[in-house]
């Protein structure tokens, strides 16, 4: 048995500077994040773009960050610690 700890969840992943992502990829990642779990934003276009802008501001202000989980091969946006 190994003493190596296995990271669980994307929070334990590798941080990816959002500036290194293609703009379209980043936008799609943020859109998926804000619409996760079937969130209903009513006026989808307006509300969605507003939420995408809010998350982008959080990334720019280092209040959130993009992480990539090597085990699940998924990216996520999480609050900065």
PDB file of N, CA and C in Angstrom:
ATOM      1  N   UNK A   1       0.846  -1.174   0.000  1.00  0.00           N
ATOM      2  CA  UNK A   1       0.000   0.000   0.000  1.00  0.00           C
ATOM      3  C   UNK A   1       0.888   1.232   0.000  1.00  0.00           C
ATOM      4  N   UNK A   2       0.502   2.225  -0.782  1.00  0.00           N
ATOM      5  CA  UNK A   2       1.289   3.437  -0.932  1.00  0.00           C
ATOM      6  C   UNK A   2       0.840   4.507   0.049  1.00  0.00           C
ATOM      7  N   UNK A   3       1.804   5.339   0.482  1.00  0.00           N
ATOM      8  CA  UNK A   3       1.481   6.474   1.331  1.00  0.00           C
ATOM      9  C   UNK A   3       1.110   7.697   0.502  1.00  0.00           C
ATOM     10  N   UNK A   4       1.160   7.572  -0.794  1.00  0.00           N
ATOM     11  CA  UNK A   4       0.867   8.692  -1.687  1.00  0.00           C
ATOM     12  C   UNK A   4      -0.606   9.063  -1.573  1.00  0.00           C
ATOM     13  N   UNK A   5      -0.882  10.352  -1.334  1.00  0.00           N
ATOM     14  CA  UNK A   5      -2.256  10.814  -1.233  1.00  0.00           C
ATOM     15  C   UNK A   5      -2.798  11.078  -2.625  1.00  0.00           C
ATOM     16  N   UNK A   6      -4.010  10.656  -2.849  1.00  0.00           N
ATOM     17  CA  UNK A   6      -4.653  10.869  -4.125  1.00  0.00           C
ATOM     18  C   UNK A   6      -5.517  12.114  -4.011  1.00  0.00           C
ATOM     19  N   UNK A   7      -5.299  13.062  -4.901  1.00  0.00           N
ATOM     20  CA  UNK A   7      -6.096  14.286  -4.890  1.00  0.00           C
ATOM     21  C   UNK A   7      -7.502  13.965  -5.361  1.00  0.00           C
ATOM     22  N   UNK A   8      -8.474  14.528  -4.672  1.00  0.00           N
ATOM     23  CA  UNK A   8      -9.855  14.303  -5.089  1.00  0.00           C
ATOM     24  C   UNK A   8     -10.478  15.618  -5.520  1.00  0.00           C
ATOM     25  N   UNK A   9     -11.212  15.564  -6.609  1.00  0.00           N
ATOM     26  CA  UNK A   9     -11.911  16.741  -7.098  1.00  0.00           C
ATOM     27  C   UNK A   9     -11.007  17.683  -7.863  1.00  0.00           C
ATOM     28  N   UNK A  10     -11.615  18.524  -8.709  1.00  0.00           N
ATOM     29  CA  UNK A  10     -10.832  19.445  -9.518  1.00  0.00           C
ATOM     30  C   UNK A  10     -10.114  20.503  -8.700  1.00  0.00           C
ATOM     31  N   UNK A  11     -10.553  20.727  -7.455  1.00  0.00           N
ATOM     32  CA  UNK A  11      -9.893  21.710  -6.615  1.00  0.00           C
ATOM     33  C   UNK A  11      -8.429  21.351  -6.362  1.00  0.00           C
ATOM     34  N   UNK A  12      -8.082  20.083  -6.513  1.00  0.00           N
ATOM     35  CA  UNK A  12      -6.721  19.607  -6.297  1.00  0.00           C
ATOM     36  C   UNK A  12      -5.952  19.511  -7.610  1.00  0.00           C
ATOM     37  N   UNK A  13      -6.507  20.075  -8.658  1.00  0.00           N
ATOM     38  CA  UNK A  13      -5.894  19.976  -9.971  1.00  0.00           C
ATOM     39  C   UNK A  13      -4.785  20.981 -10.184  1.00  0.00           C
ATOM     40  N   UNK A  14      -4.381  21.086 -11.417  1.00  0.00           N
ATOM     41  CA  UNK A  14      -3.313  21.984 -11.828  1.00  0.00           C
ATOM     42  C   UNK A  14      -3.940  23.314 -12.246  1.00  0.00           C
ATOM     43  N   UNK A  15      -3.445  24.409 -11.683  1.00  0.00           N
ATOM     44  CA  UNK A  15      -3.975  25.708 -12.061  1.00  0.00           C
ATOM     45  C   UNK A  15      -3.547  26.054 -13.480  1.00  0.00           C
ATOM     46  N   UNK A  16      -4.494  26.558 -14.257  1.00  0.00           N
ATOM     47  CA  UNK A  16      -4.244  26.961 -15.640  1.00  0.00           C
ATOM     48  C   UNK A  16      -4.511  28.462 -15.719  1.00  0.00           C
ATOM     49  N   UNK A  17      -3.494  29.263 -16.005  1.00  0.00           N
ATOM     50  CA  UNK A  17      -3.738  30.699 -16.150  1.00  0.00           C
ATOM     51  C   UNK A  17      -4.771  30.938 -17.255  1.00  0.00           C
ATOM     52  N   UNK A  18      -5.850  31.630 -16.905  1.00  0.00           N
ATOM     53  CA  UNK A  18      -6.924  31.826 -17.875  1.00  0.00           C
ATOM     54  C   UNK A  18      -6.442  32.557 -19.122  1.00  0.00           C
ATOM     55  N   UNK A  19      -5.402  33.366 -18.987  1.00  0.00           N
ATOM     56  CA  UNK A  19      -4.868  34.104 -20.130  1.00  0.00           C
ATOM     57  C   UNK A  19      -4.261  33.180 -21.184  1.00  0.00           C
ATOM     58  N   UNK A  20      -3.901  31.961 -20.781  1.00  0.00           N
ATOM     59  CA  UNK A  20      -3.291  31.015 -21.717  1.00  0.00           C
ATOM     60  C   UNK A  20      -4.322  30.221 -22.515  1.00  0.00           C
ATOM     61  N   UNK A  21      -5.594  30.349 -22.147  1.00  0.00           N
ATOM     62  CA  UNK A  21      -6.642  29.651 -22.885  1.00  0.00           C
ATOM     63  C   UNK A  21      -7.058  30.485 -24.092  1.00  0.00           C
ATOM     64  N   UNK A  22      -7.443  29.810 -25.154  1.00  0.00           N
ATOM     65  CA  UNK A  22      -7.994  30.496 -26.313  1.00  0.00           C
ATOM     66  C   UNK A  22      -9.257  31.224 -25.844  1.00  0.00           C
ATOM     67  N   UNK A  23      -9.496  32.451 -26.304  1.00  0.00           N
ATOM     68  CA  UNK A  23     -10.674  33.209 -25.854  1.00  0.00           C
ATOM     69  C   UNK A  23     -11.996  32.443 -26.003  1.00  0.00           C
ATOM     70  N   UNK A  24     -12.176  31.745 -27.124  1.00  0.00           N
ATOM     71  CA  UNK A  24     -13.411  30.987 -27.324  1.00  0.00           C
ATOM     72  C   UNK A  24     -13.517  29.831 -26.330  1.00  0.00           C
ATOM     73  N   UNK A  25     -12.401  29.159 -26.058  1.00  0.00           N
ATOM     74  CA  UNK A  25     -12.389  28.063 -25.099  1.00  0.00           C
ATOM     75  C   UNK A  25     -12.749  28.574 -23.712  1.00  0.00           C
ATOM     76  N   UNK A  26     -12.163  29.697 -23.321  1.00  0.00           N
ATOM     77  CA  UNK A  26     -12.451  30.281 -22.014  1.00  0.00           C
ATOM     78  C   UNK A  26     -13.919  30.666 -21.911  1.00  0.00           C
ATOM     79  N   UNK A  27     -14.455  31.280 -22.949  1.00  0.00           N
ATOM     80  CA  UNK A  27     -15.868  31.681 -22.922  1.00  0.00           C
ATOM     81  C   UNK A  27     -16.763  30.462 -22.773  1.00  0.00           C
ATOM     82  N   UNK A  28     -16.477  29.399 -23.505  1.00  0.00           N
ATOM     83  CA  UNK A  28     -17.292  28.169 -23.418  1.00  0.00           C
ATOM     84  C   UNK A  28     -17.171  27.534 -22.030  1.00  0.00           C
ATOM     85  N   UNK A  29     -15.979  27.559 -21.451  1.00  0.00           N
ATOM     86  CA  UNK A  29     -15.787  27.019 -20.105  1.00  0.00           C
ATOM     87  C   UNK A  29     -16.622  27.810 -19.098  1.00  0.00           C
ATOM     88  N   UNK A  30     -16.591  29.125 -19.202  1.00  0.00           N
ATOM     89  CA  UNK A  30     -17.363  29.965 -18.283  1.00  0.00           C
ATOM     90  C   UNK A  30     -18.855  29.749 -18.505  1.00  0.00           C
ATOM     91  N   UNK A  31     -19.293  29.671 -19.759  1.00  0.00           N
ATOM     92  CA  UNK A  31     -20.710  29.427 -20.043  1.00  0.00           C
ATOM     93  C   UNK A  31     -21.166  28.104 -19.432  1.00  0.00           C
ATOM     94  N   UNK A  32     -20.351  27.070 -19.584  1.00  0.00           N
ATOM     95  CA  UNK A  32     -20.710  25.771 -18.999  1.00  0.00           C
ATOM     96  C   UNK A  32     -20.776  25.894 -17.484  1.00  0.00           C
ATOM     97  N   UNK A  33     -19.860  26.622 -16.898  1.00  0.00           N
ATOM     98  CA  UNK A  33     -19.811  26.802 -15.445  1.00  0.00           C
ATOM     99  C   UNK A  33     -21.073  27.501 -14.934  1.00  0.00           C
ATOM    100  N   UNK A  34     -21.476  28.586 -15.583  1.00  0.00           N
ATOM    101  CA  UNK A  34     -22.623  29.346 -15.071  1.00  0.00           C
ATOM    102  C   UNK A  34     -23.963  28.696 -15.394  1.00  0.00           C
ATOM    103  N   UNK A  35     -23.996  27.755 -16.331  1.00  0.00           N
ATOM    104  CA  UNK A  35     -25.251  27.071 -16.647  1.00  0.00           C
ATOM    105  C   UNK A  35     -25.300  25.659 -16.074  1.00  0.00           C
ATOM    106  N   UNK A  36     -24.342  25.304 -15.269  1.00  0.00           N
ATOM    107  CA  UNK A  36     -24.274  23.967 -14.676  1.00  0.00           C
ATOM    108  C   UNK A  36     -25.521  23.668 -13.849  1.00  0.00           C
ATOM    109  N   UNK A  37     -25.898  22.416 -13.785  1.00  0.00           N
ATOM    110  CA  UNK A  37     -27.032  21.947 -12.992  1.00  0.00           C
ATOM    111  C   UNK A  37     -28.362  22.534 -13.453  1.00  0.00           C
ATOM    112  N   UNK A  38     -28.491  22.828 -14.748  1.00  0.00           N
ATOM    113  CA  UNK A  38     -29.765  23.264 -15.291  1.00  0.00           C
ATOM    114  C   UNK A  38     -30.237  24.616 -14.803  1.00  0.00           C
ATOM    115  N   UNK A  39     -29.321  25.487 -14.457  1.00  0.00           N
ATOM    116  CA  UNK A  39     -29.694  26.814 -13.982  1.00  0.00           C
ATOM    117  C   UNK A  39     -30.536  27.516 -15.027  1.00  0.00           C
ATOM    118  N   UNK A  40     -31.635  28.112 -14.606  1.00  0.00           N
ATOM    119  CA  UNK A  40     -32.514  28.836 -15.512  1.00  0.00           C
ATOM    120  C   UNK A  40     -32.288  30.328 -15.314  1.00  0.00           C
ATOM    121  N   UNK A  41     -31.777  30.995 -16.338  1.00  0.00           N
ATOM    122  CA  UNK A  41     -31.481  32.420 -16.240  1.00  0.00           C
ATOM    123  C   UNK A  41     -32.567  33.283 -16.866  1.00  0.00           C
ATOM    124  N   UNK A  42     -33.719  32.714 -17.204  1.00  0.00           N
ATOM    125  CA  UNK A  42     -34.785  33.517 -17.807  1.00  0.00           C
ATOM    126  C   UNK A  42     -34.371  33.965 -19.199  1.00  0.00           C
ATOM    127  N   UNK A  43     -34.104  35.260 -19.367  1.00  0.00           N
ATOM    128  CA  UNK A  43     -33.620  35.798 -20.642  1.00  0.00           C
ATOM    129  C   UNK A  43     -32.205  35.284 -20.835  1.00  0.00           C
ATOM    130  N   UNK A  44     -32.105  34.139 -21.479  1.00  0.00           N
ATOM    131  CA  UNK A  44     -30.838  33.418 -21.543  1.00  0.00           C
ATOM    132  C   UNK A  44     -29.682  34.245 -22.059  1.00  0.00           C
ATOM    133  N   UNK A  45     -29.849  34.921 -23.198  1.00  0.00           N
ATOM    134  CA  UNK A  45     -28.732  35.658 -23.783  1.00  0.00           C
ATOM    135  C   UNK A  45     -28.237  36.765 -22.864  1.00  0.00           C
ATOM    136  N   UNK A  46     -29.121  37.624 -22.410  1.00  0.00           N
ATOM    137  CA  UNK A  46     -28.715  38.747 -21.566  1.00  0.00           C
ATOM    138  C   UNK A  46     -28.148  38.301 -20.236  1.00  0.00           C
ATOM    139  N   UNK A  47     -28.866  37.421 -19.552  1.00  0.00           N
ATOM    140  CA  UNK A  47     -28.424  36.960 -18.238  1.00  0.00           C
ATOM    141  C   UNK A  47     -27.150  36.132 -18.350  1.00  0.00           C
ATOM    142  N   UNK A  48     -27.072  35.295 -19.370  1.00  0.00           N
ATOM    143  CA  UNK A  48     -25.878  34.467 -19.547  1.00  0.00           C
ATOM    144  C   UNK A  48     -24.656  35.338 -19.774  1.00  0.00           C
ATOM    145  N   UNK A  49     -24.761  36.307 -20.652  1.00  0.00           N
ATOM    146  CA  UNK A  49     -23.613  37.181 -20.921  1.00  0.00           C
ATOM    147  C   UNK A  49     -23.229  37.982 -19.687  1.00  0.00           C
ATOM    148  N   UNK A  50     -24.212  38.374 -18.886  1.00  0.00           N
ATOM    149  CA  UNK A  50     -23.927  39.096 -17.648  1.00  0.00           C
ATOM    150  C   UNK A  50     -23.159  38.198 -16.675  1.00  0.00           C
ATOM    151  N   UNK A  51     -23.597  36.958 -16.529  1.00  0.00           N
ATOM    152  CA  UNK A  51     -22.912  36.016 -15.637  1.00  0.00           C
ATOM    153  C   UNK A  51     -21.506  35.690 -16.144  1.00  0.00           C
ATOM    154  N   UNK A  52     -21.364  35.508 -17.454  1.00  0.00           N
ATOM    155  CA  UNK A  52     -20.043  35.251 -18.043  1.00  0.00           C
ATOM    156  C   UNK A  52     -19.124  36.426 -17.731  1.00  0.00           C
ATOM    157  N   UNK A  53     -19.623  37.640 -17.866  1.00  0.00           N
ATOM    158  CA  UNK A  53     -18.836  38.833 -17.552  1.00  0.00           C
ATOM    159  C   UNK A  53     -18.431  38.888 -16.087  1.00  0.00           C
ATOM    160  N   UNK A  54     -19.337  38.499 -15.203  1.00  0.00           N
ATOM    161  CA  UNK A  54     -19.026  38.502 -13.772  1.00  0.00           C
ATOM    162  C   UNK A  54     -17.918  37.500 -13.445  1.00  0.00           C
ATOM    163  N   UNK A  55     -18.000  36.311 -14.032  1.00  0.00           N
ATOM    164  CA  UNK A  55     -16.968  35.300 -13.783  1.00  0.00           C
ATOM    165  C   UNK A  55     -15.638  35.759 -14.382  1.00  0.00           C
ATOM    166  N   UNK A  56     -15.682  36.362 -15.569  1.00  0.00           N
ATOM    167  CA  UNK A  56     -14.453  36.874 -16.191  1.00  0.00           C
ATOM    168  C   UNK A  56     -13.808  37.923 -15.292  1.00  0.00           C
ATOM    169  N   UNK A  57     -14.625  38.813 -14.718  1.00  0.00           N
ATOM    170  CA  UNK A  57     -14.102  39.818 -13.781  1.00  0.00           C
ATOM    171  C   UNK A  57     -13.450  39.153 -12.575  1.00  0.00           C
ATOM    172  N   UNK A  58     -14.059  38.080 -12.076  1.00  0.00           N
ATOM    173  CA  UNK A  58     -13.484  37.362 -10.930  1.00  0.00           C
ATOM    174  C   UNK A  58     -12.141  36.739 -11.295  1.00  0.00           C
ATOM    175  N   UNK A  59     -12.032  36.219 -12.503  1.00  0.00           N
ATOM    176  CA  UNK A  59     -10.746  35.659 -12.951  1.00  0.00           C
ATOM    177  C   UNK A  59      -9.701  36.765 -13.050  1.00  0.00           C
ATOM    178  N   UNK A  60     -10.065  37.889 -13.649  1.00  0.00           N
ATOM    179  CA  UNK A  60      -9.121  39.008 -13.795  1.00  0.00           C
ATOM    180  C   UNK A  60      -8.659  39.542 -12.443  1.00  0.00           C
ATOM    181  N   UNK A  61      -9.585  39.574 -11.476  1.00  0.00           N
ATOM    182  CA  UNK A  61      -9.277  40.111 -10.147  1.00  0.00           C
ATOM    183  C   UNK A  61      -8.717  39.052  -9.198  1.00  0.00           C
ATOM    184  N   UNK A  62      -8.439  37.869  -9.748  1.00  0.00           N
ATOM    185  CA  UNK A  62      -7.850  36.757  -8.992  1.00  0.00           C
ATOM    186  C   UNK A  62      -8.726  36.294  -7.832  1.00  0.00           C
ATOM    187  N   UNK A  63     -10.043  36.477  -7.971  1.00  0.00           N
ATOM    188  CA  UNK A  63     -10.997  35.977  -6.984  1.00  0.00           C
ATOM    189  C   UNK A  63     -11.449  34.572  -7.341  1.00  0.00           C
ATOM    190  N   UNK A  64     -11.145  34.148  -8.576  1.00  0.00           N
ATOM    191  CA  UNK A  64     -11.455  32.800  -9.050  1.00  0.00           C
ATOM    192  C   UNK A  64     -10.291  32.352  -9.917  1.00  0.00           C
ATOM    193  N   UNK A  65     -10.219  31.041 -10.142  1.00  0.00           N
ATOM    194  CA  UNK A  65      -9.141  30.505 -10.968  1.00  0.00           C
ATOM    195  C   UNK A  65      -9.622  29.269 -11.714  1.00  0.00           C
ATOM    196  N   UNK A  66      -8.940  28.963 -12.799  1.00  0.00           N
ATOM    197  CA  UNK A  66      -9.245  27.780 -13.598  1.00  0.00           C
ATOM    198  C   UNK A  66      -8.289  26.677 -13.161  1.00  0.00           C
ATOM    199  N   UNK A  67      -8.835  25.500 -12.889  1.00  0.00           N
ATOM    200  CA  UNK A  67      -8.003  24.347 -12.554  1.00  0.00           C
ATOM    201  C   UNK A  67      -8.374  23.186 -13.461  1.00  0.00           C
ATOM    202  N   UNK A  68      -7.381  22.351 -13.732  1.00  0.00           N
ATOM    203  CA  UNK A  68      -7.575  21.160 -14.555  1.00  0.00           C
ATOM    204  C   UNK A  68      -7.232  19.947 -13.724  1.00  0.00           C
ATOM    205  N   UNK A  69      -8.197  19.030 -13.609  1.00  0.00           N
ATOM    206  CA  UNK A  69      -7.990  17.803 -12.846  1.00  0.00           C
ATOM    207  C   UNK A  69      -7.429  16.733 -13.778  1.00  0.00           C
ATOM    208  N   UNK A  70      -6.221  16.274 -13.481  1.00  0.00           N
ATOM    209  CA  UNK A  70      -5.558  15.297 -14.341  1.00  0.00           C
ATOM    210  C   UNK A  70      -6.240  13.940 -14.318  1.00  0.00           C
ATOM    211  N   UNK A  71      -6.882  13.597 -13.214  1.00  0.00           N
ATOM    212  CA  UNK A  71      -7.535  12.296 -13.108  1.00  0.00           C
ATOM    213  C   UNK A  71      -8.793  12.236 -13.959  1.00  0.00           C
ATOM    214  N   UNK A  72      -9.653  13.234 -13.808  1.00  0.00           N
ATOM    215  CA  UNK A  72     -10.919  13.218 -14.555  1.00  0.00           C
ATOM    216  C   UNK A  72     -10.817  13.900 -15.915  1.00  0.00           C
ATOM    217  N   UNK A  73      -9.667  14.580 -16.157  1.00  0.00           N
ATOM    218  CA  UNK A  73      -9.457  15.290 -17.421  1.00  0.00           C
ATOM    219  C   UNK A  73     -10.541  16.348 -17.649  1.00  0.00           C
ATOM    220  N   UNK A  74     -10.883  17.072 -16.570  1.00  0.00           N
ATOM    221  CA  UNK A  74     -11.898  18.120 -16.664  1.00  0.00           C
ATOM    222  C   UNK A  74     -11.347  19.429 -16.097  1.00  0.00           C
ATOM    223  N   UNK A  75     -11.892  20.521 -16.597  1.00  0.00           N
ATOM    224  CA  UNK A  75     -11.537  21.843 -16.097  1.00  0.00           C
ATOM    225  C   UNK A  75     -12.690  22.378 -15.275  1.00  0.00           C
ATOM    226  N   UNK A  76     -12.357  23.219 -14.306  1.00  0.00           N
ATOM    227  CA  UNK A  76     -13.356  23.817 -13.454  1.00  0.00           C
ATOM    228  C   UNK A  76     -12.891  25.216 -13.057  1.00  0.00           C
ATOM    229  N   UNK A  77     -13.839  26.035 -12.645  1.00  0.00           N
ATOM    230  CA  UNK A  77     -13.548  27.354 -12.113  1.00  0.00           C
ATOM    231  C   UNK A  77     -13.881  27.310 -10.632  1.00  0.00           C
ATOM    232  N   UNK A  78     -12.921  27.690  -9.816  1.00  0.00           N
ATOM    233  CA  UNK A  78     -13.132  27.635  -8.377  1.00  0.00           C
ATOM    234  C   UNK A  78     -12.725  28.966  -7.743  1.00  0.00           C
ATOM    235  N   UNK A  79     -13.241  29.250  -6.544  1.00  0.00           N
ATOM    236  CA  UNK A  79     -12.814  30.466  -5.842  1.00  0.00           C
ATOM    237  C   UNK A  79     -11.343  30.367  -5.466  1.00  0.00           C
ATOM    238  N   UNK A  80     -10.668  31.493  -5.465  1.00  0.00           N
ATOM    239  CA  UNK A  80      -9.275  31.509  -5.022  1.00  0.00           C
ATOM    240  C   UNK A  80      -9.250  31.439  -3.504  1.00  0.00           C
ATOM    241  N   UNK A  81      -8.225  30.828  -2.990  1.00  0.00           N
ATOM    242  CA  UNK A  81      -8.086  30.679  -1.532  1.00  0.00           C
ATOM    243  C   UNK A  81      -7.499  31.914  -0.926  1.00  0.00           C
TER     244      UNK A  81
END
